[in-house]
Amino acid sequence: MITVKCFARYRALLGFSDLQVPAAPTLGELLADPCFQALPKDALLAVNQAFADRTAPIHDGDEVALMPPVSGG
């Protein structure tokens, strides 16, 4: 199983803060699941607390974080 954590506005957008899902070969394949269809394409993604892109491999027991883009000034 993979643990998916949503941060900030993605909690309300996707309807969960933590979710357990079956493992997938890549982050992109995991995010193709219908429960992630509302996730914006510009979302920041991390696997095991390291930023990753959709081609990143994932394995059973990994933690995936979904975060909105950050801005500041």
C-alpha atoms as a PDB file:
ATOM      1  CA  MET A   1       0.000   0.000   0.000  1.00  0.00           C
ATOM      2  CA  ILE A   2       1.008   3.606  -0.637  1.00  0.00           C
ATOM      3  CA  THR A   3       0.111   6.415   1.767  1.00  0.00           C
ATOM      4  CA  VAL A   4      -1.044   9.567  -0.031  1.00  0.00           C
ATOM      5  CA  LYS A   5      -1.113  12.806   1.965  1.00  0.00           C
ATOM      6  CA  CYS A   6      -2.872  15.957   0.762  1.00  0.00           C
ATOM      7  CA  PHE A   7      -1.871  19.400   1.958  1.00  0.00           C
ATOM      8  CA  ALA A   8      -3.586  22.801   2.078  1.00  0.00           C
ATOM      9  CA  ARG A   9      -6.498  23.254  -0.337  1.00  0.00           C
ATOM     10  CA  TYR A  10      -5.984  19.802  -1.875  1.00  0.00           C
ATOM     11  CA  ARG A  11      -7.555  18.262   1.234  1.00  0.00           C
ATOM     12  CA  ALA A  12     -10.913  19.838   0.395  1.00  0.00           C
ATOM     13  CA  LEU A  13     -10.460  19.459  -3.361  1.00  0.00           C
ATOM     14  CA  LEU A  14      -9.805  15.714  -3.218  1.00  0.00           C
ATOM     15  CA  GLY A  15     -11.837  14.994  -0.081  1.00  0.00           C
ATOM     16  CA  PHE A  16      -9.162  13.413   2.105  1.00  0.00           C
ATOM     17  CA  SER A  17      -6.012  14.273   4.037  1.00  0.00           C
ATOM     18  CA  ASP A  18      -4.526  10.745   4.183  1.00  0.00           C
ATOM     19  CA  LEU A  19      -5.427   7.810   1.969  1.00  0.00           C
ATOM     20  CA  GLN A  20      -4.089   4.267   1.595  1.00  0.00           C
ATOM     21  CA  VAL A  21      -4.033   3.052  -2.018  1.00  0.00           C
ATOM     22  CA  PRO A  22      -2.549   0.010  -3.780  1.00  0.00           C
ATOM     23  CA  ALA A  23       0.968   0.399  -5.146  1.00  0.00           C
ATOM     24  CA  ALA A  24       1.510   1.412  -8.787  1.00  0.00           C
ATOM     25  CA  PRO A  25       4.709   1.335 -10.880  1.00  0.00           C
ATOM     26  CA  THR A  26       5.002   5.129 -11.227  1.00  0.00           C
ATOM     27  CA  LEU A  27       3.613   8.232  -9.599  1.00  0.00           C
ATOM     28  CA  GLY A  28       1.804   9.121 -12.838  1.00  0.00           C
ATOM     29  CA  GLU A  29       0.062   5.754 -12.955  1.00  0.00           C
ATOM     30  CA  LEU A  30      -0.986   6.145  -9.328  1.00  0.00           C
ATOM     31  CA  LEU A  31      -2.411   9.608 -10.042  1.00  0.00           C
ATOM     32  CA  ALA A  32      -4.363   8.265 -13.034  1.00  0.00           C
ATOM     33  CA  ASP A  33      -6.784   6.704 -10.541  1.00  0.00           C
ATOM     34  CA  PRO A  34     -10.201   8.431 -10.672  1.00  0.00           C
ATOM     35  CA  CYS A  35      -9.938   9.526  -7.023  1.00  0.00           C
ATOM     36  CA  PHE A  36      -7.201  11.960  -8.136  1.00  0.00           C
ATOM     37  CA  GLN A  37      -8.972  13.361 -11.219  1.00  0.00           C
ATOM     38  CA  ALA A  38      -9.512  16.794  -9.591  1.00  0.00           C
ATOM     39  CA  LEU A  39      -5.772  17.183  -8.891  1.00  0.00           C
ATOM     40  CA  PRO A  40      -4.420  20.120 -10.928  1.00  0.00           C
ATOM     41  CA  LYS A  41      -1.579  19.367 -13.358  1.00  0.00           C
ATOM     42  CA  ASP A  42       0.652  21.955 -11.632  1.00  0.00           C
ATOM     43  CA  ALA A  43       0.521  20.167  -8.266  1.00  0.00           C
ATOM     44  CA  LEU A  44       3.813  19.708  -6.442  1.00  0.00           C
ATOM     45  CA  LEU A  45       4.509  16.021  -5.892  1.00  0.00           C
ATOM     46  CA  ALA A  46       6.838  14.290  -3.470  1.00  0.00           C
ATOM     47  CA  VAL A  47       7.757  10.681  -2.786  1.00  0.00           C
ATOM     48  CA  ASN A  48       9.201   9.930   0.646  1.00  0.00           C
ATOM     49  CA  GLN A  49       9.685  13.661   1.323  1.00  0.00           C
ATOM     50  CA  ALA A  50      11.660  14.340  -1.879  1.00  0.00           C
ATOM     51  CA  PHE A  51      10.155  16.295  -4.773  1.00  0.00           C
ATOM     52  CA  ALA A  52       9.352  14.028  -7.716  1.00  0.00           C
ATOM     53  CA  ASP A  53       7.715  14.143 -11.125  1.00  0.00           C
ATOM     54  CA  ARG A  54       5.077  11.839 -12.544  1.00  0.00           C
ATOM     55  CA  THR A  55       7.692   9.447 -13.969  1.00  0.00           C
ATOM     56  CA  ALA A  56       9.110   8.664 -10.509  1.00  0.00           C
ATOM     57  CA  PRO A  57       8.885   5.011  -9.534  1.00  0.00           C
ATOM     58  CA  ILE A  58       6.957   4.191  -6.383  1.00  0.00           C
ATOM     59  CA  HIS A  59       6.993   1.098  -4.240  1.00  0.00           C
ATOM     60  CA  ASP A  60       4.900  -0.561  -1.596  1.00  0.00           C
ATOM     61  CA  GLY A  61       5.275   1.366   1.677  1.00  0.00           C
ATOM     62  CA  ASP A  62       6.155   4.718   0.052  1.00  0.00           C
ATOM     63  CA  GLU A  63       4.562   8.000   1.081  1.00  0.00           C
ATOM     64  CA  VAL A  64       3.306  10.383  -1.612  1.00  0.00           C
ATOM     65  CA  ALA A  65       2.568  14.036  -0.840  1.00  0.00           C
ATOM     66  CA  LEU A  66       0.339  16.285  -2.968  1.00  0.00           C
ATOM     67  CA  MET A  67       0.881  20.006  -2.452  1.00  0.00           C
ATOM     68  CA  PRO A  68      -0.343  23.163  -4.183  1.00  0.00           C
ATOM     69  CA  PRO A  69       2.276  25.312  -5.903  1.00  0.00           C
ATOM     70  CA  VAL A  70       3.880  27.845  -3.592  1.00  0.00           C
ATOM     71  CA  SER A  71       4.153  31.563  -4.226  1.00  0.00           C
ATOM     72  CA  GLY A  72       5.586  34.359  -2.212  1.00  0.00           C
ATOM     73  CA  GLY A  73       6.955  37.762  -2.375  1.00  0.00           C
END
